[in-house]
PDB file of N, CA and C in Angstrom:
ATOM      1  N   UNK A   1     -18.563  22.683   2.421  1.00  0.00           N
ATOM      2  CA  UNK A   1     -18.981  21.930   3.523  1.00  0.00           C
ATOM      3  C   UNK A   1     -18.994  21.019   2.737  1.00  0.00           C
ATOM      4  N   UNK A   2     -17.969  20.390   3.753  1.00  0.00           N
ATOM      5  CA  UNK A   2     -16.965  18.970   3.629  1.00  0.00           C
ATOM      6  C   UNK A   2     -17.562  18.321   3.139  1.00  0.00           C
ATOM      7  N   UNK A   3     -17.281  17.014   2.093  1.00  0.00           N
ATOM      8  CA  UNK A   3     -18.008  15.569   1.550  1.00  0.00           C
ATOM      9  C   UNK A   3     -17.210  14.693   2.672  1.00  0.00           C
ATOM     10  N   UNK A   4     -19.158  14.515   3.186  1.00  0.00           N
ATOM     11  CA  UNK A   4     -19.019  12.769   3.883  1.00  0.00           C
ATOM     12  C   UNK A   4     -18.480  10.855   3.744  1.00  0.00           C
ATOM     13  N   UNK A   5     -17.523  11.193   3.679  1.00  0.00           N
ATOM     14  CA  UNK A   5     -17.403   9.917   3.333  1.00  0.00           C
ATOM     15  C   UNK A   5     -17.020   8.897   4.276  1.00  0.00           C
ATOM     16  N   UNK A   6     -17.665   7.499   4.217  1.00  0.00           N
ATOM     17  CA  UNK A   6     -17.611   6.794   5.006  1.00  0.00           C
ATOM     18  C   UNK A   6     -17.275   5.278   4.613  1.00  0.00           C
ATOM     19  N   UNK A   7     -16.148   5.049   5.853  1.00  0.00           N
ATOM     20  CA  UNK A   7     -15.347   3.988   5.422  1.00  0.00           C
ATOM     21  C   UNK A   7     -16.409   2.726   6.010  1.00  0.00           C
ATOM     22  N   UNK A   8     -15.707   0.559   5.771  1.00  0.00           N
ATOM     23  CA  UNK A   8     -16.183  -0.253   6.380  1.00  0.00           C
ATOM     24  C   UNK A   8     -15.000  -0.916   6.252  1.00  0.00           C
ATOM     25  N   UNK A   9     -14.642  -1.425   6.878  1.00  0.00           N
ATOM     26  CA  UNK A   9     -13.606  -1.409   6.970  1.00  0.00           C
ATOM     27  C   UNK A   9     -12.722  -2.765   8.197  1.00  0.00           C
ATOM     28  N   UNK A  10     -13.239  -4.391   8.636  1.00  0.00           N
ATOM     29  CA  UNK A  10     -13.126  -4.671   9.945  1.00  0.00           C
ATOM     30  C   UNK A  10     -11.294  -4.581  10.280  1.00  0.00           C
ATOM     31  N   UNK A  11     -10.486  -4.524   9.760  1.00  0.00           N
ATOM     32  CA  UNK A  11      -8.773  -4.202   9.973  1.00  0.00           C
ATOM     33  C   UNK A  11      -8.796  -2.426  11.279  1.00  0.00           C
ATOM     34  N   UNK A  12      -8.501  -2.782  12.607  1.00  0.00           N
ATOM     35  CA  UNK A  12      -8.386  -1.220  13.354  1.00  0.00           C
ATOM     36  C   UNK A  12      -7.098  -0.612  12.591  1.00  0.00           C
ATOM     37  N   UNK A  13      -6.205  -1.323  12.243  1.00  0.00           N
ATOM     38  CA  UNK A  13      -4.991  -0.499  11.651  1.00  0.00           C
ATOM     39  C   UNK A  13      -5.105  -0.065  10.643  1.00  0.00           C
ATOM     40  N   UNK A  14      -6.690  -1.079   9.679  1.00  0.00           N
ATOM     41  CA  UNK A  14      -6.501  -0.432   7.981  1.00  0.00           C
ATOM     42  C   UNK A  14      -7.347   1.021   8.383  1.00  0.00           C
ATOM     43  N   UNK A  15      -7.781   0.619   9.077  1.00  0.00           N
ATOM     44  CA  UNK A  15      -8.987   1.894   8.832  1.00  0.00           C
ATOM     45  C   UNK A  15      -8.006   2.963   9.723  1.00  0.00           C
ATOM     46  N   UNK A  16      -7.609   2.925  11.059  1.00  0.00           N
ATOM     47  CA  UNK A  16      -6.899   4.272  11.393  1.00  0.00           C
ATOM     48  C   UNK A  16      -6.175   4.923  10.271  1.00  0.00           C
ATOM     49  N   UNK A  17      -5.383   3.658   9.340  1.00  0.00           N
ATOM     50  CA  UNK A  17      -4.770   5.169   8.230  1.00  0.00           C
ATOM     51  C   UNK A  17      -5.349   5.318   6.806  1.00  0.00           C
ATOM     52  N   UNK A  18      -6.652   5.069   6.972  1.00  0.00           N
ATOM     53  CA  UNK A  18      -6.843   5.288   6.297  1.00  0.00           C
ATOM     54  C   UNK A  18      -7.824   6.507   6.499  1.00  0.00           C
ATOM     55  N   UNK A  19      -8.277   6.597   8.166  1.00  0.00           N
ATOM     56  CA  UNK A  19      -8.782   7.510   9.098  1.00  0.00           C
ATOM     57  C   UNK A  19      -7.933   8.757   8.879  1.00  0.00           C
ATOM     58  N   UNK A  20      -6.557   8.139   8.954  1.00  0.00           N
ATOM     59  CA  UNK A  20      -5.220   9.620   9.387  1.00  0.00           C
ATOM     60  C   UNK A  20      -5.065  10.341   7.605  1.00  0.00           C
ATOM     61  N   UNK A  21      -4.974   9.201   6.058  1.00  0.00           N
ATOM     62  CA  UNK A  21      -5.160   9.851   5.465  1.00  0.00           C
ATOM     63  C   UNK A  21      -6.726  10.921   5.236  1.00  0.00           C
ATOM     64  N   UNK A  22      -7.550  10.570   5.020  1.00  0.00           N
ATOM     65  CA  UNK A  22      -9.060  11.807   4.767  1.00  0.00           C
ATOM     66  C   UNK A  22      -9.433  12.765   6.329  1.00  0.00           C
ATOM     67  N   UNK A  23      -8.877  12.381   7.190  1.00  0.00           N
ATOM     68  CA  UNK A  23      -9.530  13.116   7.972  1.00  0.00           C
ATOM     69  C   UNK A  23      -9.286  14.682   8.426  1.00  0.00           C
ATOM     70  N   UNK A  24      -8.339  15.239   7.696  1.00  0.00           N
ATOM     71  CA  UNK A  24      -8.457  16.402   7.392  1.00  0.00           C
ATOM     72  C   UNK A  24      -9.156  17.099   6.790  1.00  0.00           C
ATOM     73  N   UNK A  25      -9.564  16.202   5.797  1.00  0.00           N
ATOM     74  CA  UNK A  25     -10.738  16.295   4.461  1.00  0.00           C
ATOM     75  C   UNK A  25     -11.415  16.593   4.197  1.00  0.00           C
ATOM     76  N   UNK A  26     -11.854  15.344   4.830  1.00  0.00           N
ATOM     77  CA  UNK A  26     -14.016  15.679   4.700  1.00  0.00           C
ATOM     78  C   UNK A  26     -14.078  14.314   5.429  1.00  0.00           C
ATOM     79  N   UNK A  27     -15.384  14.953   6.109  1.00  0.00           N
ATOM     80  CA  UNK A  27     -15.830  14.062   7.488  1.00  0.00           C
ATOM     81  C   UNK A  27     -16.056  12.513   7.339  1.00  0.00           C
ATOM     82  N   UNK A  28     -15.771  12.043   9.015  1.00  0.00           N
ATOM     83  CA  UNK A  28     -15.628  10.614   8.368  1.00  0.00           C
ATOM     84  C   UNK A  28     -16.706   9.990   8.949  1.00  0.00           C
ATOM     85  N   UNK A  29     -17.265   8.679   8.844  1.00  0.00           N
ATOM     86  CA  UNK A  29     -18.297   7.898   9.734  1.00  0.00           C
ATOM     87  C   UNK A  29     -17.561   6.342   9.382  1.00  0.00           C
ATOM     88  N   UNK A  30     -17.530   5.828  10.111  1.00  0.00           N
ATOM     89  CA  UNK A  30     -16.297   4.624  10.318  1.00  0.00           C
ATOM     90  C   UNK A  30     -17.454   3.408  10.812  1.00  0.00           C
ATOM     91  N   UNK A  31     -17.157   2.380   9.901  1.00  0.00           N
ATOM     92  CA  UNK A  31     -17.959   1.179  10.292  1.00  0.00           C
ATOM     93  C   UNK A  31     -17.372  -0.425  10.843  1.00  0.00           C
ATOM     94  N   UNK A  32     -17.023  -1.128  11.387  1.00  0.00           N
ATOM     95  CA  UNK A  32     -15.394  -1.815  11.720  1.00  0.00           C
ATOM     96  C   UNK A  32     -16.436  -3.297  11.374  1.00  0.00           C
ATOM     97  N   UNK A  33     -17.948  -3.130  11.000  1.00  0.00           N
ATOM     98  CA  UNK A  33     -19.273  -4.358  11.012  1.00  0.00           C
ATOM     99  C   UNK A  33     -19.665  -4.076   9.714  1.00  0.00           C
ATOM    100  N   UNK A  34     -19.962  -4.918   9.281  1.00  0.00           N
ATOM    101  CA  UNK A  34     -20.649  -4.822   7.544  1.00  0.00           C
ATOM    102  C   UNK A  34     -21.908  -4.949   8.573  1.00  0.00           C
ATOM    103  N   UNK A  35     -22.707  -5.325   9.027  1.00  0.00           N
ATOM    104  CA  UNK A  35     -24.105  -5.518   9.575  1.00  0.00           C
ATOM    105  C   UNK A  35     -24.401  -4.097  10.157  1.00  0.00           C
ATOM    106  N   UNK A  36     -23.492  -3.310  10.308  1.00  0.00           N
ATOM    107  CA  UNK A  36     -23.332  -1.726  11.574  1.00  0.00           C
ATOM    108  C   UNK A  36     -24.127  -1.393  10.134  1.00  0.00           C
ATOM    109  N   UNK A  37     -22.591  -0.924   9.627  1.00  0.00           N
ATOM    110  CA  UNK A  37     -22.668  -0.233   8.043  1.00  0.00           C
ATOM    111  C   UNK A  37     -24.078  -0.283   7.305  1.00  0.00           C
ATOM    112  N   UNK A  38     -25.005  -1.159   6.914  1.00  0.00           N
ATOM    113  CA  UNK A  38     -25.559  -1.749   6.188  1.00  0.00           C
ATOM    114  C   UNK A  38     -26.830  -0.937   7.817  1.00  0.00           C
ATOM    115  N   UNK A  39     -26.922  -1.218   8.153  1.00  0.00           N
ATOM    116  CA  UNK A  39     -28.070  -0.389   8.946  1.00  0.00           C
ATOM    117  C   UNK A  39     -27.526   1.226   9.146  1.00  0.00           C
ATOM    118  N   UNK A  40     -27.091   2.084   9.058  1.00  0.00           N
ATOM    119  CA  UNK A  40     -26.734   2.438   9.628  1.00  0.00           C
ATOM    120  C   UNK A  40     -26.413   3.746   8.486  1.00  0.00           C
ATOM    121  N   UNK A  41     -25.704   3.080   7.471  1.00  0.00           N
ATOM    122  CA  UNK A  41     -25.506   4.515   5.784  1.00  0.00           C
ATOM    123  C   UNK A  41     -27.065   4.404   5.259  1.00  0.00           C
ATOM    124  N   UNK A  42     -28.039   3.827   5.814  1.00  0.00           N
ATOM    125  CA  UNK A  42     -29.579   3.922   5.094  1.00  0.00           C
ATOM    126  C   UNK A  42     -28.959   5.489   6.275  1.00  0.00           C
ATOM    127  N   UNK A  43     -29.361   5.882   6.854  1.00  0.00           N
ATOM    128  CA  UNK A  43     -29.069   7.560   7.581  1.00  0.00           C
ATOM    129  C   UNK A  43     -28.580   8.062   7.583  1.00  0.00           C
ATOM    130  N   UNK A  44     -27.374   8.136   7.736  1.00  0.00           N
ATOM    131  CA  UNK A  44     -25.897   8.585   6.848  1.00  0.00           C
ATOM    132  C   UNK A  44     -25.961   9.494   6.099  1.00  0.00           C
ATOM    133  N   UNK A  45     -25.623   8.603   5.268  1.00  0.00           N
ATOM    134  CA  UNK A  45     -25.968   9.006   3.717  1.00  0.00           C
ATOM    135  C   UNK A  45     -24.874  10.102   3.013  1.00  0.00           C
ATOM    136  N   UNK A  46     -23.678   9.632   3.114  1.00  0.00           N
ATOM    137  CA  UNK A  46     -22.066   9.574   2.678  1.00  0.00           C
ATOM    138  C   UNK A  46     -22.079   9.836   1.417  1.00  0.00           C
ATOM    139  N   UNK A  47     -21.517  10.925   1.244  1.00  0.00           N
ATOM    140  CA  UNK A  47     -20.993  10.851  -0.840  1.00  0.00           C
ATOM    141  C   UNK A  47     -20.851   9.827  -0.946  1.00  0.00           C
ATOM    142  N   UNK A  48     -19.537   8.907  -0.108  1.00  0.00           N
ATOM    143  CA  UNK A  48     -18.757   7.760  -1.459  1.00  0.00           C
ATOM    144  C   UNK A  48     -18.622   7.004   0.064  1.00  0.00           C
ATOM    145  N   UNK A  49     -18.304   5.543  -0.150  1.00  0.00           N
ATOM    146  CA  UNK A  49     -18.253   4.778   0.696  1.00  0.00           C
ATOM    147  C   UNK A  49     -16.988   3.563   0.043  1.00  0.00           C
ATOM    148  N   UNK A  50     -16.415   3.969   1.165  1.00  0.00           N
ATOM    149  CA  UNK A  50     -14.924   3.441   0.901  1.00  0.00           C
ATOM    150  C   UNK A  50     -14.696   1.741   1.986  1.00  0.00           C
ATOM    151  N   UNK A  51     -15.380   0.354   1.026  1.00  0.00           N
ATOM    152  CA  UNK A  51     -15.320  -0.733   1.765  1.00  0.00           C
ATOM    153  C   UNK A  51     -14.347  -1.799   1.379  1.00  0.00           C
ATOM    154  N   UNK A  52     -14.048  -1.930   2.174  1.00  0.00           N
ATOM    155  CA  UNK A  52     -13.010  -3.703   2.584  1.00  0.00           C
ATOM    156  C   UNK A  52     -14.338  -4.362   1.887  1.00  0.00           C
ATOM    157  N   UNK A  53     -12.850  -5.397   0.827  1.00  0.00           N
ATOM    158  CA  UNK A  53     -14.221  -6.861   0.197  1.00  0.00           C
ATOM    159  C   UNK A  53     -13.499  -7.930   1.557  1.00  0.00           C
ATOM    160  N   UNK A  54     -12.211  -8.543   1.779  1.00  0.00           N
ATOM    161  CA  UNK A  54     -12.566  -9.347   3.125  1.00  0.00           C
ATOM    162  C   UNK A  54     -13.096  -8.852   4.545  1.00  0.00           C
ATOM    163  N   UNK A  55     -15.012  -9.293   4.468  1.00  0.00           N
ATOM    164  CA  UNK A  55     -15.054  -9.255   6.387  1.00  0.00           C
ATOM    165  C   UNK A  55     -16.226  -9.700   6.736  1.00  0.00           C
ATOM    166  N   UNK A  56     -15.600 -10.780   7.608  1.00  0.00           N
ATOM    167  CA  UNK A  56     -16.049 -11.723   8.267  1.00  0.00           C
ATOM    168  C   UNK A  56     -17.638 -11.585   7.813  1.00  0.00           C
ATOM    169  N   UNK A  57     -17.982 -12.289   8.396  1.00  0.00           N
ATOM    170  CA  UNK A  57     -19.665 -12.827   8.071  1.00  0.00           C
ATOM    171  C   UNK A  57     -20.707 -11.886   6.491  1.00  0.00           C
ATOM    172  N   UNK A  58     -20.033 -10.521   6.826  1.00  0.00           N
ATOM    173  CA  UNK A  58     -20.760 -10.301   5.394  1.00  0.00           C
ATOM    174  C   UNK A  58     -19.776  -9.319   4.636  1.00  0.00           C
ATOM    175  N   UNK A  59     -19.577  -9.790   3.568  1.00  0.00           N
ATOM    176  CA  UNK A  59     -18.080  -9.728   2.825  1.00  0.00           C
ATOM    177  C   UNK A  59     -18.448  -8.888   1.518  1.00  0.00           C
ATOM    178  N   UNK A  60     -17.765  -7.411   1.916  1.00  0.00           N
ATOM    179  CA  UNK A  60     -17.668  -6.253   0.970  1.00  0.00           C
ATOM    180  C   UNK A  60     -19.125  -6.488  -0.204  1.00  0.00           C
ATOM    181  N   UNK A  61     -18.543  -7.331  -1.451  1.00  0.00           N
ATOM    182  CA  UNK A  61     -19.815  -7.437  -2.742  1.00  0.00           C
ATOM    183  C   UNK A  61     -20.723  -8.203  -1.983  1.00  0.00           C
ATOM    184  N   UNK A  62     -20.957  -8.697  -1.291  1.00  0.00           N
ATOM    185  CA  UNK A  62     -22.064  -9.117  -0.531  1.00  0.00           C
ATOM    186  C   UNK A  62     -22.815  -7.538   0.057  1.00  0.00           C
ATOM    187  N   UNK A  63     -22.454  -7.134   1.680  1.00  0.00           N
ATOM    188  CA  UNK A  63     -22.708  -5.769   1.534  1.00  0.00           C
ATOM    189  C   UNK A  63     -22.753  -4.896  -0.414  1.00  0.00           C
ATOM    190  N   UNK A  64     -22.220  -4.643  -0.616  1.00  0.00           N
ATOM    191  CA  UNK A  64     -22.445  -3.655  -2.175  1.00  0.00           C
ATOM    192  C   UNK A  64     -23.774  -4.182  -2.615  1.00  0.00           C
ATOM    193  N   UNK A  65     -23.918  -5.595  -2.941  1.00  0.00           N
ATOM    194  CA  UNK A  65     -25.205  -5.970  -3.081  1.00  0.00           C
ATOM    195  C   UNK A  65     -26.777  -5.473  -2.321  1.00  0.00           C
ATOM    196  N   UNK A  66     -26.628  -5.688  -1.705  1.00  0.00           N
ATOM    197  CA  UNK A  66     -28.014  -4.821  -0.420  1.00  0.00           C
ATOM    198  C   UNK A  66     -27.785  -3.780  -0.715  1.00  0.00           C
ATOM    199  N   UNK A  67     -26.952  -2.262  -0.683  1.00  0.00           N
ATOM    200  CA  UNK A  67     -26.313  -1.192  -1.096  1.00  0.00           C
ATOM    201  C   UNK A  67     -27.071  -1.098  -1.554  1.00  0.00           C
ATOM    202  N   UNK A  68     -26.558  -1.815  -3.117  1.00  0.00           N
ATOM    203  CA  UNK A  68     -27.113  -1.667  -4.605  1.00  0.00           C
ATOM    204  C   UNK A  68     -28.970  -1.214  -4.645  1.00  0.00           C
ATOM    205  N   UNK A  69     -29.958  -2.244  -4.085  1.00  0.00           N
ATOM    206  CA  UNK A  69     -30.857  -2.486  -3.748  1.00  0.00           C
ATOM    207  C   UNK A  69     -32.248  -1.981  -2.936  1.00  0.00           C
ATOM    208  N   UNK A  70     -31.661  -0.985  -2.356  1.00  0.00           N
ATOM    209  CA  UNK A  70     -32.006  -0.207  -1.270  1.00  0.00           C
ATOM    210  C   UNK A  70     -32.042   1.362  -1.947  1.00  0.00           C
ATOM    211  N   UNK A  71     -33.416   1.479  -2.160  1.00  0.00           N
ATOM    212  CA  UNK A  71     -33.644   3.063  -2.554  1.00  0.00           C
ATOM    213  C   UNK A  71     -32.081   4.221  -2.454  1.00  0.00           C
ATOM    214  N   UNK A  72     -32.340   4.144  -0.490  1.00  0.00           N
ATOM    215  CA  UNK A  72     -31.360   5.225  -0.401  1.00  0.00           C
ATOM    216  C   UNK A  72     -30.578   4.783  -0.066  1.00  0.00           C
ATOM    217  N   UNK A  73     -29.996   4.521  -0.616  1.00  0.00           N
ATOM    218  CA  UNK A  73     -28.361   3.625  -0.603  1.00  0.00           C
ATOM    219  C   UNK A  73     -27.826   3.240  -2.377  1.00  0.00           C
ATOM    220  N   UNK A  74     -28.716   3.362  -3.161  1.00  0.00           N
ATOM    221  CA  UNK A  74     -27.926   2.731  -4.557  1.00  0.00           C
ATOM    222  C   UNK A  74     -27.027   3.246  -5.322  1.00  0.00           C
ATOM    223  N   UNK A  75     -27.469   5.200  -4.879  1.00  0.00           N
ATOM    224  CA  UNK A  75     -26.865   5.855  -5.843  1.00  0.00           C
ATOM    225  C   UNK A  75     -25.720   5.828  -5.142  1.00  0.00           C
ATOM    226  N   UNK A  76     -24.813   5.955  -3.995  1.00  0.00           N
ATOM    227  CA  UNK A  76     -23.931   6.395  -3.279  1.00  0.00           C
ATOM    228  C   UNK A  76     -22.781   5.741  -4.280  1.00  0.00           C
ATOM    229  N   UNK A  77     -21.593   6.270  -5.067  1.00  0.00           N
ATOM    230  CA  UNK A  77     -20.390   5.372  -5.398  1.00  0.00           C
ATOM    231  C   UNK A  77     -19.991   4.902  -4.406  1.00  0.00           C
ATOM    232  N   UNK A  78     -19.466   3.484  -4.524  1.00  0.00           N
ATOM    233  CA  UNK A  78     -18.468   2.861  -3.665  1.00  0.00           C
ATOM    234  C   UNK A  78     -17.628   2.095  -4.362  1.00  0.00           C
ATOM    235  N   UNK A  79     -16.178   3.097  -3.671  1.00  0.00           N
ATOM    236  CA  UNK A  79     -14.600   2.023  -3.924  1.00  0.00           C
ATOM    237  C   UNK A  79     -14.651   0.905  -2.800  1.00  0.00           C
ATOM    238  N   UNK A  80     -13.948  -0.568  -3.541  1.00  0.00           N
ATOM    239  CA  UNK A  80     -13.655  -1.028  -3.038  1.00  0.00           C
ATOM    240  C   UNK A  80     -12.093  -1.059  -2.684  1.00  0.00           C
ATOM    241  N   UNK A  81     -11.759  -1.277  -1.707  1.00  0.00           N
ATOM    242  CA  UNK A  81     -10.207  -1.516  -0.896  1.00  0.00           C
ATOM    243  C   UNK A  81     -10.053  -3.110  -0.619  1.00  0.00           C
ATOM    244  N   UNK A  82      -9.228  -3.450  -1.224  1.00  0.00           N
ATOM    245  CA  UNK A  82      -8.851  -5.181  -0.775  1.00  0.00           C
ATOM    246  C   UNK A  82      -7.360  -5.438  -0.684  1.00  0.00           C
ATOM    247  N   UNK A  83      -7.052  -6.214   0.217  1.00  0.00           N
ATOM    248  CA  UNK A  83      -5.561  -6.830  -1.191  1.00  0.00           C
ATOM    249  C   UNK A  83      -5.238  -7.758  -1.422  1.00  0.00           C
ATOM    250  N   UNK A  84      -6.900  -8.380  -1.999  1.00  0.00           N
ATOM    251  CA  UNK A  84      -6.655  -8.309  -3.276  1.00  0.00           C
ATOM    252  C   UNK A  84      -6.186  -7.855  -4.777  1.00  0.00           C
ATOM    253  N   UNK A  85      -4.581  -8.199  -4.695  1.00  0.00           N
ATOM    254  CA  UNK A  85      -4.493  -7.404  -5.802  1.00  0.00           C
ATOM    255  C   UNK A  85      -3.556  -7.926  -6.950  1.00  0.00           C
ATOM    256  N   UNK A  86      -4.569  -9.123  -7.708  1.00  0.00           N
ATOM    257  CA  UNK A  86      -4.076  -9.373  -8.559  1.00  0.00           C
ATOM    258  C   UNK A  86      -4.702  -9.334 -10.308  1.00  0.00           C
ATOM    259  N   UNK A  87      -4.046  -9.713 -11.318  1.00  0.00           N
ATOM    260  CA  UNK A  87      -4.126  -9.066 -12.925  1.00  0.00           C
ATOM    261  C   UNK A  87      -5.684  -9.232 -12.863  1.00  0.00           C
ATOM    262  N   UNK A  88      -6.329  -7.972 -13.382  1.00  0.00           N
ATOM    263  CA  UNK A  88      -7.619  -8.165 -13.369  1.00  0.00           C
ATOM    264  C   UNK A  88      -8.491  -8.069 -12.106  1.00  0.00           C
ATOM    265  N   UNK A  89      -8.019  -8.017 -10.747  1.00  0.00           N
ATOM    266  CA  UNK A  89      -9.075  -7.741  -9.940  1.00  0.00           C
ATOM    267  C   UNK A  89     -10.021  -6.575 -10.352  1.00  0.00           C
ATOM    268  N   UNK A  90      -9.435  -5.891 -10.455  1.00  0.00           N
ATOM    269  CA  UNK A  90     -10.116  -4.287 -10.460  1.00  0.00           C
ATOM    270  C   UNK A  90     -11.085  -4.246 -12.109  1.00  0.00           C
ATOM    271  N   UNK A  91     -11.478  -4.811 -13.225  1.00  0.00           N
ATOM    272  CA  UNK A  91     -11.994  -5.058 -13.375  1.00  0.00           C
ATOM    273  C   UNK A  91     -13.112  -6.029 -12.772  1.00  0.00           C
ATOM    274  N   UNK A  92     -13.003  -6.931 -12.408  1.00  0.00           N
ATOM    275  CA  UNK A  92     -13.856  -8.506 -11.358  1.00  0.00           C
ATOM    276  C   UNK A  92     -14.816  -7.495 -10.441  1.00  0.00           C
ATOM    277  N   UNK A  93     -13.750  -6.265  -9.569  1.00  0.00           N
ATOM    278  CA  UNK A  93     -14.484  -5.840  -8.952  1.00  0.00           C
ATOM    279  C   UNK A  93     -15.428  -4.718  -9.706  1.00  0.00           C
ATOM    280  N   UNK A  94     -15.493  -3.528 -10.214  1.00  0.00           N
ATOM    281  CA  UNK A  94     -16.175  -2.630 -11.256  1.00  0.00           C
ATOM    282  C   UNK A  94     -17.396  -3.783 -12.098  1.00  0.00           C
ATOM    283  N   UNK A  95     -16.801  -5.046 -12.412  1.00  0.00           N
ATOM    284  CA  UNK A  95     -17.562  -6.120 -13.388  1.00  0.00           C
ATOM    285  C   UNK A  95     -18.945  -5.784 -12.267  1.00  0.00           C
ATOM    286  N   UNK A  96     -18.435  -6.339 -10.708  1.00  0.00           N
ATOM    287  CA  UNK A  96     -19.883  -5.767  -9.239  1.00  0.00           C
ATOM    288  C   UNK A  96     -20.270  -5.104  -9.452  1.00  0.00           C
ATOM    289  N   UNK A  97     -20.241  -4.033  -9.631  1.00  0.00           N
ATOM    290  CA  UNK A  97     -21.272  -2.670  -9.039  1.00  0.00           C
ATOM    291  C   UNK A  97     -19.759  -1.769  -8.389  1.00  0.00           C
ATOM    292  N   UNK A  98     -19.054  -2.271  -8.211  1.00  0.00           N
ATOM    293  CA  UNK A  98     -18.414  -0.902  -7.384  1.00  0.00           C
ATOM    294  C   UNK A  98     -18.176  -0.038  -8.467  1.00  0.00           C
ATOM    295  N   UNK A  99     -17.708   0.970  -7.682  1.00  0.00           N
ATOM    296  CA  UNK A  99     -17.526   2.367  -8.592  1.00  0.00           C
ATOM    297  C   UNK A  99     -15.796   2.680  -8.818  1.00  0.00           C
ATOM    298  N   UNK A 100     -15.038   2.372  -8.469  1.00  0.00           N
ATOM    299  CA  UNK A 100     -13.721   2.380  -8.136  1.00  0.00           C
ATOM    300  C   UNK A 100     -12.837   0.701  -7.573  1.00  0.00           C
ATOM    301  N   UNK A 101     -11.767   1.150  -7.442  1.00  0.00           N
ATOM    302  CA  UNK A 101     -11.076   0.045  -6.855  1.00  0.00           C
ATOM    303  C   UNK A 101      -9.220  -0.179  -6.485  1.00  0.00           C
ATOM    304  N   UNK A 102      -9.217   0.283  -5.126  1.00  0.00           N
ATOM    305  CA  UNK A 102      -7.874   1.035  -4.080  1.00  0.00           C
ATOM    306  C   UNK A 102      -7.253  -1.058  -3.664  1.00  0.00           C
ATOM    307  N   UNK A 103      -6.145  -1.480  -4.350  1.00  0.00           N
ATOM    308  CA  UNK A 103      -5.834  -1.873  -3.240  1.00  0.00           C
ATOM    309  C   UNK A 103      -5.151  -1.716  -2.059  1.00  0.00           C
ATOM    310  N   UNK A 104      -4.657  -2.202  -1.375  1.00  0.00           N
ATOM    311  CA  UNK A 104      -4.413  -2.013   0.861  1.00  0.00           C
ATOM    312  C   UNK A 104      -3.278  -3.008   0.291  1.00  0.00           C
ATOM    313  N   UNK A 105      -2.358  -2.456   0.806  1.00  0.00           N
ATOM    314  CA  UNK A 105      -2.498  -1.151   1.793  1.00  0.00           C
ATOM    315  C   UNK A 105      -1.587   0.093   0.787  1.00  0.00           C
ATOM    316  N   UNK A 106      -2.852   0.836   1.734  1.00  0.00           N
ATOM    317  CA  UNK A 106      -3.329   2.201   1.068  1.00  0.00           C
ATOM    318  C   UNK A 106      -1.835   3.232   1.668  1.00  0.00           C
ATOM    319  N   UNK A 107      -0.579   3.564   0.838  1.00  0.00           N
ATOM    320  CA  UNK A 107       0.164   4.926   1.469  1.00  0.00           C
ATOM    321  C   UNK A 107       0.280   5.827   1.173  1.00  0.00           C
ATOM    322  N   UNK A 108       0.393   5.819  -0.788  1.00  0.00           N
ATOM    323  CA  UNK A 108       0.014   7.091  -1.305  1.00  0.00           C
ATOM    324  C   UNK A 108      -1.592   7.516  -1.644  1.00  0.00           C
ATOM    325  N   UNK A 109      -1.061   8.725  -0.855  1.00  0.00           N
ATOM    326  CA  UNK A 109      -2.901   9.806  -0.201  1.00  0.00           C
ATOM    327  C   UNK A 109      -3.488   9.929  -2.027  1.00  0.00           C
ATOM    328  N   UNK A 110      -2.296  11.116  -2.498  1.00  0.00           N
ATOM    329  CA  UNK A 110      -2.645  10.860  -3.804  1.00  0.00           C
ATOM    330  C   UNK A 110      -3.880   9.933  -4.688  1.00  0.00           C
ATOM    331  N   UNK A 111      -2.745   9.039  -4.616  1.00  0.00           N
ATOM    332  CA  UNK A 111      -3.758   8.028  -5.419  1.00  0.00           C
ATOM    333  C   UNK A 111      -5.362   7.360  -4.580  1.00  0.00           C
ATOM    334  N   UNK A 112      -5.522   7.869  -3.701  1.00  0.00           N
ATOM    335  CA  UNK A 112      -6.629   7.688  -2.518  1.00  0.00           C
ATOM    336  C   UNK A 112      -7.398   9.172  -2.609  1.00  0.00           C
ATOM    337  N   UNK A 113      -7.552  10.404  -2.774  1.00  0.00           N
ATOM    338  CA  UNK A 113      -8.131  11.129  -3.049  1.00  0.00           C
ATOM    339  C   UNK A 113      -8.080  11.533  -4.317  1.00  0.00           C
ATOM    340  N   UNK A 114      -7.340  11.133  -5.676  1.00  0.00           N
ATOM    341  CA  UNK A 114      -7.247  11.094  -6.844  1.00  0.00           C
ATOM    342  C   UNK A 114      -9.117  10.435  -7.368  1.00  0.00           C
ATOM    343  N   UNK A 115      -9.329   9.214  -6.377  1.00  0.00           N
ATOM    344  CA  UNK A 115     -10.248   7.963  -6.507  1.00  0.00           C
ATOM    345  C   UNK A 115     -11.701   8.671  -5.911  1.00  0.00           C
ATOM    346  N   UNK A 116     -11.172   8.991  -4.743  1.00  0.00           N
ATOM    347  CA  UNK A 116     -12.717  10.048  -3.477  1.00  0.00           C
ATOM    348  C   UNK A 116     -12.625  10.995  -5.134  1.00  0.00           C
ATOM    349  N   UNK A 117     -12.323  12.110  -5.329  1.00  0.00           N
ATOM    350  CA  UNK A 117     -12.809  12.553  -6.105  1.00  0.00           C
ATOM    351  C   UNK A 117     -13.166  12.644  -7.486  1.00  0.00           C
ATOM    352  N   UNK A 118     -12.673  11.460  -8.137  1.00  0.00           N
ATOM    353  CA  UNK A 118     -12.742  11.158  -9.601  1.00  0.00           C
ATOM    354  C   UNK A 118     -14.461  10.815  -9.007  1.00  0.00           C
ATOM    355  N   UNK A 119     -14.821  10.528  -7.689  1.00  0.00           N
ATOM    356  CA  UNK A 119     -15.775   9.869  -8.272  1.00  0.00           C
ATOM    357  C   UNK A 119     -16.867  10.346  -7.176  1.00  0.00           C
ATOM    358  N   UNK A 120     -17.323  10.979  -6.639  1.00  0.00           N
ATOM    359  CA  UNK A 120     -17.885  12.469  -6.064  1.00  0.00           C
ATOM    360  C   UNK A 120     -19.081  12.472  -6.697  1.00  0.00           C
ATOM    361  N   UNK A 121     -19.850  12.421  -6.176  1.00  0.00           N
ATOM    362  CA  UNK A 121     -21.181  12.971  -7.393  1.00  0.00           C
ATOM    363  C   UNK A 121     -21.405  14.931  -7.842  1.00  0.00           C
ATOM    364  N   UNK A 122     -21.150  15.045  -8.259  1.00  0.00           N
ATOM    365  CA  UNK A 122     -21.620  16.483  -8.400  1.00  0.00           C
ATOM    366  C   UNK A 122     -19.810  17.099  -8.895  1.00  0.00           C
TER     367      UNK A 122
END
């Protein structure tokens, strides 16, 4: 059975790219709106979440905080996807509660698969 990967990304081009890279290997659920993701992830129960940091209204850091205090989503691994690729950003996002960090745009599918596989439970 395929693992379920949730993608939370407001940019349609980035969302399509990640879906194209992952679609043959995982079951994908995608959200372009962080509030929609917050409401639906509780029922979807993905195995892992790939989440953009810079989203309007509710950014990835705030969404992560809400997921971490909810009993149904608190243990789901979350990988930050961000264009913020400055020195120290990886450590910053890990310290905020993300399980891993990938800089966008993502062109190396092996890097993406490696991050997902190393953070999947079990």
